[in-house]
PDB file of N, CA and C in Angstrom:
ATOM      1  N   MET A   1       0.735  -1.173  -0.086  1.00  0.00           N
ATOM      2  CA  MET A   1      -0.258   0.152  -0.163  1.00  0.00           C
ATOM      3  C   MET A   1       1.158   1.554   0.137  1.00  0.00           C
ATOM      4  N   PRO A   2       0.542   2.020  -1.095  1.00  0.00           N
ATOM      5  CA  PRO A   2       1.311   3.457  -0.839  1.00  0.00           C
ATOM      6  C   PRO A   2       1.527   4.067   0.718  1.00  0.00           C
ATOM      7  N   THR A   3       2.567   4.981   0.543  1.00  0.00           N
ATOM      8  CA  THR A   3       2.406   5.645   1.459  1.00  0.00           C
ATOM      9  C   THR A   3       2.481   7.230   1.637  1.00  0.00           C
ATOM     10  N   THR A   4       1.228   7.959   2.133  1.00  0.00           N
ATOM     11  CA  THR A   4       1.074   9.198   1.832  1.00  0.00           C
ATOM     12  C   THR A   4       2.263  10.314   2.519  1.00  0.00           C
ATOM     13  N   PRO A   5       2.351  11.114   1.214  1.00  0.00           N
ATOM     14  CA  PRO A   5       3.689  12.195   1.386  1.00  0.00           C
ATOM     15  C   PRO A   5       3.495  13.048   2.585  1.00  0.00           C
ATOM     16  N   SER A   6       4.642  13.321   3.355  1.00  0.00           N
ATOM     17  CA  SER A   6       4.730  13.942   4.779  1.00  0.00           C
ATOM     18  C   SER A   6       4.105  15.582   4.559  1.00  0.00           C
ATOM     19  N   ASN A   7       3.824  16.033   5.328  1.00  0.00           N
ATOM     20  CA  ASN A   7       3.336  17.956   5.149  1.00  0.00           C
ATOM     21  C   ASN A   7       4.571  18.593   4.774  1.00  0.00           C
ATOM     22  N   SER A   8       6.692  17.992   5.210  1.00  0.00           N
ATOM     23  CA  SER A   8       7.383  18.772   4.461  1.00  0.00           C
ATOM     24  C   SER A   8       7.401  18.449   3.057  1.00  0.00           C
ATOM     25  N   GLN A   9       7.201  16.957   2.677  1.00  0.00           N
ATOM     26  CA  GLN A   9       7.037  16.701   1.352  1.00  0.00           C
ATOM     27  C   GLN A   9       6.142  17.576   0.398  1.00  0.00           C
ATOM     28  N   PHE A  10       4.623  17.607   0.695  1.00  0.00           N
ATOM     29  CA  PHE A  10       4.344  18.278  -0.034  1.00  0.00           C
ATOM     30  C   PHE A  10       4.560  19.895   0.178  1.00  0.00           C
ATOM     31  N   ALA A  11       5.020  20.605   0.856  1.00  0.00           N
ATOM     32  CA  ALA A  11       5.433  21.530   0.840  1.00  0.00           C
ATOM     33  C   ALA A  11       6.430  22.032  -0.473  1.00  0.00           C
ATOM     34  N   ALA A  12       7.349  20.551   0.076  1.00  0.00           N
ATOM     35  CA  ALA A  12       8.214  20.668  -1.155  1.00  0.00           C
ATOM     36  C   ALA A  12       7.829  20.942  -3.048  1.00  0.00           C
ATOM     37  N   LEU A  13       6.599  20.287  -2.673  1.00  0.00           N
ATOM     38  CA  LEU A  13       6.417  19.979  -4.090  1.00  0.00           C
ATOM     39  C   LEU A  13       5.661  21.386  -3.925  1.00  0.00           C
ATOM     40  N   GLY A  14       4.997  21.660  -3.454  1.00  0.00           N
ATOM     41  CA  GLY A  14       4.182  23.336  -3.460  1.00  0.00           C
ATOM     42  C   GLY A  14       5.706  24.517  -4.052  1.00  0.00           C
ATOM     43  N   GLN A  15       7.026  23.950  -3.149  1.00  0.00           N
ATOM     44  CA  GLN A  15       7.891  25.236  -3.546  1.00  0.00           C
ATOM     45  C   GLN A  15       7.919  25.602  -4.974  1.00  0.00           C
ATOM     46  N   PHE A  16       7.968  24.026  -5.844  1.00  0.00           N
ATOM     47  CA  PHE A  16       8.016  23.718  -7.259  1.00  0.00           C
ATOM     48  C   PHE A  16       6.830  24.934  -7.932  1.00  0.00           C
ATOM     49  N   VAL A  17       5.735  24.736  -7.206  1.00  0.00           N
ATOM     50  CA  VAL A  17       5.291  25.698  -8.374  1.00  0.00           C
ATOM     51  C   VAL A  17       5.529  26.821  -8.571  1.00  0.00           C
ATOM     52  N   ASN A  18       5.314  27.326  -6.605  1.00  0.00           N
ATOM     53  CA  ASN A  18       6.077  29.164  -7.026  1.00  0.00           C
ATOM     54  C   ASN A  18       7.534  29.132  -7.829  1.00  0.00           C
ATOM     55  N   PHE A  19       8.224  28.100  -7.975  1.00  0.00           N
ATOM     56  CA  PHE A  19       9.348  28.413  -9.052  1.00  0.00           C
ATOM     57  C   PHE A  19       8.809  28.688 -10.139  1.00  0.00           C
ATOM     58  N   ALA A  20       7.778  28.227 -10.908  1.00  0.00           N
ATOM     59  CA  ALA A  20       7.973  27.953 -11.453  1.00  0.00           C
ATOM     60  C   ALA A  20       6.792  29.281 -12.370  1.00  0.00           C
ATOM     61  N   TYR A  21       6.480  30.024 -11.600  1.00  0.00           N
ATOM     62  CA  TYR A  21       5.683  31.291 -11.737  1.00  0.00           C
ATOM     63  C   TYR A  21       6.624  31.688 -11.675  1.00  0.00           C
ATOM     64  N   ASP A  22       7.714  31.981 -10.881  1.00  0.00           N
ATOM     65  CA  ASP A  22       8.788  33.023 -10.719  1.00  0.00           C
ATOM     66  C   ASP A  22       9.343  33.052 -11.857  1.00  0.00           C
ATOM     67  N   ILE A  23       9.726  31.992 -12.205  1.00  0.00           N
ATOM     68  CA  ILE A  23      10.597  31.357 -13.942  1.00  0.00           C
ATOM     69  C   ILE A  23       9.322  32.291 -15.192  1.00  0.00           C
ATOM     70  N   SER A  24       8.375  32.036 -14.649  1.00  0.00           N
ATOM     71  CA  SER A  24       6.843  32.089 -15.812  1.00  0.00           C
ATOM     72  C   SER A  24       7.561  33.991 -16.141  1.00  0.00           C
ATOM     73  N   GLU A  25       8.168  34.610 -15.310  1.00  0.00           N
ATOM     74  CA  GLU A  25       7.625  35.955 -14.954  1.00  0.00           C
ATOM     75  C   GLU A  25       9.099  36.568 -15.846  1.00  0.00           C
ATOM     76  N   ASN A  26      10.254  35.673 -16.089  1.00  0.00           N
ATOM     77  CA  ASN A  26      10.970  36.737 -17.115  1.00  0.00           C
ATOM     78  C   ASN A  26      11.346  35.362 -18.292  1.00  0.00           C
ATOM     79  N   ALA A  27      10.199  34.372 -18.571  1.00  0.00           N
ATOM     80  CA  ALA A  27      11.045  33.654 -19.500  1.00  0.00           C
ATOM     81  C   ALA A  27      10.141  34.412 -20.923  1.00  0.00           C
ATOM     82  N   VAL A  28      10.948  33.941 -21.811  1.00  0.00           N
ATOM     83  CA  VAL A  28      10.965  34.578 -23.054  1.00  0.00           C
ATOM     84  C   VAL A  28      10.807  33.257 -23.880  1.00  0.00           C
ATOM     85  N   PRO A  29       9.516  32.491 -24.570  1.00  0.00           N
ATOM     86  CA  PRO A  29       9.925  31.504 -25.191  1.00  0.00           C
ATOM     87  C   PRO A  29      10.550  31.767 -26.892  1.00  0.00           C
ATOM     88  N   GLY A  30      10.893  30.594 -27.034  1.00  0.00           N
ATOM     89  CA  GLY A  30      12.428  31.062 -27.754  1.00  0.00           C
ATOM     90  C   GLY A  30      13.662  31.716 -27.795  1.00  0.00           C
ATOM     91  N   GLY A  31      13.574  32.472 -26.433  1.00  0.00           N
ATOM     92  CA  GLY A  31      14.476  33.518 -26.205  1.00  0.00           C
ATOM     93  C   GLY A  31      15.722  32.727 -25.504  1.00  0.00           C
ATOM     94  N   ASN A  32      16.662  33.542 -24.607  1.00  0.00           N
ATOM     95  CA  ASN A  32      17.457  32.948 -23.834  1.00  0.00           C
ATOM     96  C   ASN A  32      16.671  31.773 -22.782  1.00  0.00           C
ATOM     97  N   PRO A  33      17.244  30.968 -22.285  1.00  0.00           N
ATOM     98  CA  PRO A  33      16.592  30.309 -20.937  1.00  0.00           C
ATOM     99  C   PRO A  33      16.326  31.583 -19.844  1.00  0.00           C
ATOM    100  N   PRO A  34      15.293  31.475 -18.869  1.00  0.00           N
ATOM    101  CA  PRO A  34      15.010  32.093 -18.085  1.00  0.00           C
ATOM    102  C   PRO A  34      16.435  31.817 -16.816  1.00  0.00           C
ATOM    103  N   THR A  35      16.527  32.763 -16.018  1.00  0.00           N
ATOM    104  CA  THR A  35      17.140  32.520 -15.036  1.00  0.00           C
ATOM    105  C   THR A  35      16.714  31.670 -13.727  1.00  0.00           C
ATOM    106  N   VAL A  36      17.322  30.885 -13.046  1.00  0.00           N
ATOM    107  CA  VAL A  36      17.016  30.110 -11.934  1.00  0.00           C
ATOM    108  C   VAL A  36      16.636  30.758 -10.753  1.00  0.00           C
ATOM    109  N   PRO A  37      15.206  30.880 -10.571  1.00  0.00           N
ATOM    110  CA  PRO A  37      14.835  31.610  -9.484  1.00  0.00           C
ATOM    111  C   PRO A  37      15.824  31.224  -7.746  1.00  0.00           C
ATOM    112  N   ALA A  38      15.826  32.554  -6.905  1.00  0.00           N
ATOM    113  CA  ALA A  38      16.974  32.125  -5.924  1.00  0.00           C
ATOM    114  C   ALA A  38      15.974  31.073  -4.693  1.00  0.00           C
ATOM    115  N   GLY A  39      17.106  30.336  -4.515  1.00  0.00           N
ATOM    116  CA  GLY A  39      16.618  29.151  -3.391  1.00  0.00           C
ATOM    117  C   GLY A  39      15.987  27.614  -4.471  1.00  0.00           C
ATOM    118  N   PHE A  40      16.448  28.222  -5.729  1.00  0.00           N
ATOM    119  CA  PHE A  40      15.842  26.770  -6.072  1.00  0.00           C
ATOM    120  C   PHE A  40      16.496  25.587  -5.529  1.00  0.00           C
ATOM    121  N   PRO A  41      16.416  24.282  -5.390  1.00  0.00           N
ATOM    122  CA  PRO A  41      17.382  23.312  -4.907  1.00  0.00           C
ATOM    123  C   PRO A  41      18.702  22.456  -5.453  1.00  0.00           C
ATOM    124  N   PRO A  42      19.456  22.764  -4.800  1.00  0.00           N
ATOM    125  CA  PRO A  42      20.796  22.578  -5.783  1.00  0.00           C
ATOM    126  C   PRO A  42      21.392  21.037  -6.365  1.00  0.00           C
ATOM    127  N   ASP A  43      20.399  20.384  -5.309  1.00  0.00           N
ATOM    128  CA  ASP A  43      20.260  18.872  -5.868  1.00  0.00           C
ATOM    129  C   ASP A  43      19.634  18.664  -6.931  1.00  0.00           C
ATOM    130  N   TYR A  44      18.442  19.838  -7.709  1.00  0.00           N
ATOM    131  CA  TYR A  44      18.289  18.983  -8.712  1.00  0.00           C
ATOM    132  C   TYR A  44      18.442  20.178 -10.387  1.00  0.00           C
ATOM    133  N   THR A  45      18.570  19.849 -11.348  1.00  0.00           N
ATOM    134  CA  THR A  45      18.977  20.478 -12.230  1.00  0.00           C
ATOM    135  C   THR A  45      18.050  20.665 -13.619  1.00  0.00           C
ATOM    136  N   LEU A  46      17.443  21.541 -13.716  1.00  0.00           N
ATOM    137  CA  LEU A  46      16.782  22.145 -14.725  1.00  0.00           C
ATOM    138  C   LEU A  46      16.932  21.374 -16.095  1.00  0.00           C
ATOM    139  N   VAL A  47      16.144  20.615 -16.223  1.00  0.00           N
ATOM    140  CA  VAL A  47      16.718  20.111 -17.739  1.00  0.00           C
ATOM    141  C   VAL A  47      15.407  20.704 -19.200  1.00  0.00           C
ATOM    142  N   ALA A  48      14.536  21.291 -18.738  1.00  0.00           N
ATOM    143  CA  ALA A  48      13.913  21.164 -20.050  1.00  0.00           C
ATOM    144  C   ALA A  48      12.727  22.123 -19.554  1.00  0.00           C
ATOM    145  N   TYR A  49      12.648  23.490 -20.340  1.00  0.00           N
ATOM    146  CA  TYR A  49      11.378  24.384 -20.229  1.00  0.00           C
ATOM    147  C   TYR A  49      10.515  23.977 -21.291  1.00  0.00           C
ATOM    148  N   ILE A  50       9.297  23.866 -20.491  1.00  0.00           N
ATOM    149  CA  ILE A  50       8.018  23.565 -21.361  1.00  0.00           C
ATOM    150  C   ILE A  50       7.808  24.540 -22.191  1.00  0.00           C
ATOM    151  N   GLN A  51       7.220  25.152 -23.241  1.00  0.00           N
ATOM    152  CA  GLN A  51       6.671  25.939 -24.248  1.00  0.00           C
ATOM    153  C   GLN A  51       5.389  25.289 -24.777  1.00  0.00           C
ATOM    154  N   ALA A  52       4.584  26.485 -25.395  1.00  0.00           N
ATOM    155  CA  ALA A  52       3.912  25.944 -26.435  1.00  0.00           C
ATOM    156  C   ALA A  52       2.864  26.861 -27.369  1.00  0.00           C
ATOM    157  N   THR A  53       2.092  26.886 -27.961  1.00  0.00           N
ATOM    158  CA  THR A  53       1.527  27.976 -28.343  1.00  0.00           C
ATOM    159  C   THR A  53       0.049  26.704 -28.155  1.00  0.00           C
ATOM    160  N   ASP A  54      -0.800  27.756 -27.712  1.00  0.00           N
ATOM    161  CA  ASP A  54      -1.947  27.427 -27.551  1.00  0.00           C
ATOM    162  C   ASP A  54      -3.372  27.653 -28.209  1.00  0.00           C
ATOM    163  N   ASP A  55      -3.577  26.420 -29.468  1.00  0.00           N
ATOM    164  CA  ASP A  55      -4.198  26.903 -30.625  1.00  0.00           C
ATOM    165  C   ASP A  55      -5.763  26.659 -30.051  1.00  0.00           C
ATOM    166  N   PHE A  56      -5.854  26.050 -28.850  1.00  0.00           N
ATOM    167  CA  PHE A  56      -7.234  26.055 -28.845  1.00  0.00           C
ATOM    168  C   PHE A  56      -7.936  27.446 -28.133  1.00  0.00           C
ATOM    169  N   TRP A  57      -6.712  28.216 -27.892  1.00  0.00           N
ATOM    170  CA  TRP A  57      -7.508  29.339 -27.401  1.00  0.00           C
ATOM    171  C   TRP A  57      -7.114  30.857 -28.438  1.00  0.00           C
ATOM    172  N   GLY A  58      -6.907  29.915 -29.498  1.00  0.00           N
ATOM    173  CA  GLY A  58      -6.368  31.130 -31.089  1.00  0.00           C
ATOM    174  C   GLY A  58      -4.777  31.592 -30.474  1.00  0.00           C
ATOM    175  N   GLY A  59      -4.316  31.559 -29.580  1.00  0.00           N
ATOM    176  CA  GLY A  59      -2.652  31.942 -29.532  1.00  0.00           C
ATOM    177  C   GLY A  59      -1.677  32.296 -30.510  1.00  0.00           C
ATOM    178  N   LEU A  60      -0.879  33.137 -31.128  1.00  0.00           N
ATOM    179  CA  LEU A  60      -0.178  33.246 -32.153  1.00  0.00           C
ATOM    180  C   LEU A  60       1.221  32.911 -31.709  1.00  0.00           C
ATOM    181  N   TYR A  61       1.548  33.457 -30.011  1.00  0.00           N
ATOM    182  CA  TYR A  61       3.256  32.849 -30.161  1.00  0.00           C
ATOM    183  C   TYR A  61       3.036  31.878 -28.699  1.00  0.00           C
ATOM    184  N   PRO A  62       4.305  30.845 -28.866  1.00  0.00           N
ATOM    185  CA  PRO A  62       4.577  30.417 -27.733  1.00  0.00           C
ATOM    186  C   PRO A  62       4.628  31.189 -26.493  1.00  0.00           C
ATOM    187  N   GLU A  63       3.882  30.265 -25.493  1.00  0.00           N
ATOM    188  CA  GLU A  63       3.543  30.950 -24.213  1.00  0.00           C
ATOM    189  C   GLU A  63       4.871  29.720 -23.520  1.00  0.00           C
ATOM    190  N   TYR A  64       5.312  29.526 -21.928  1.00  0.00           N
ATOM    191  CA  TYR A  64       5.599  29.351 -20.939  1.00  0.00           C
ATOM    192  C   TYR A  64       4.705  28.549 -20.116  1.00  0.00           C
ATOM    193  N   TYR A  65       5.291  27.149 -19.932  1.00  0.00           N
ATOM    194  CA  TYR A  65       4.287  26.717 -19.032  1.00  0.00           C
ATOM    195  C   TYR A  65       4.936  25.552 -18.352  1.00  0.00           C
ATOM    196  N   GLY A  66       6.384  25.485 -18.126  1.00  0.00           N
ATOM    197  CA  GLY A  66       6.654  25.067 -17.020  1.00  0.00           C
ATOM    198  C   GLY A  66       8.371  24.485 -17.661  1.00  0.00           C
ATOM    199  N   PHE A  67       8.542  23.846 -16.548  1.00  0.00           N
ATOM    200  CA  PHE A  67       9.491  23.355 -16.167  1.00  0.00           C
ATOM    201  C   PHE A  67       9.687  21.701 -15.787  1.00  0.00           C
ATOM    202  N   VAL A  68      11.195  20.992 -16.286  1.00  0.00           N
ATOM    203  CA  VAL A  68      11.511  19.881 -16.142  1.00  0.00           C
ATOM    204  C   VAL A  68      12.540  19.931 -14.973  1.00  0.00           C
ATOM    205  N   ALA A  69      12.391  19.231 -14.003  1.00  0.00           N
ATOM    206  CA  ALA A  69      13.855  19.332 -13.160  1.00  0.00           C
ATOM    207  C   ALA A  69      14.062  18.076 -12.531  1.00  0.00           C
TER     208      ALA A  69
END
């Protein structure tokens, strides 16, 4: 049976959501990679940034959607 994550594990995952918002503030799709926000855990590596053009809403330009760490 799977174990339930601890409160500190949930808090750490929530911090990654905050990092995604911080990165999106200076992300320019197709441009230079965004800067890594202060406090990003040193034991993680940013592997990729996720960007896409939102065809459903009629977007014309790529938008930043997140990252893979």
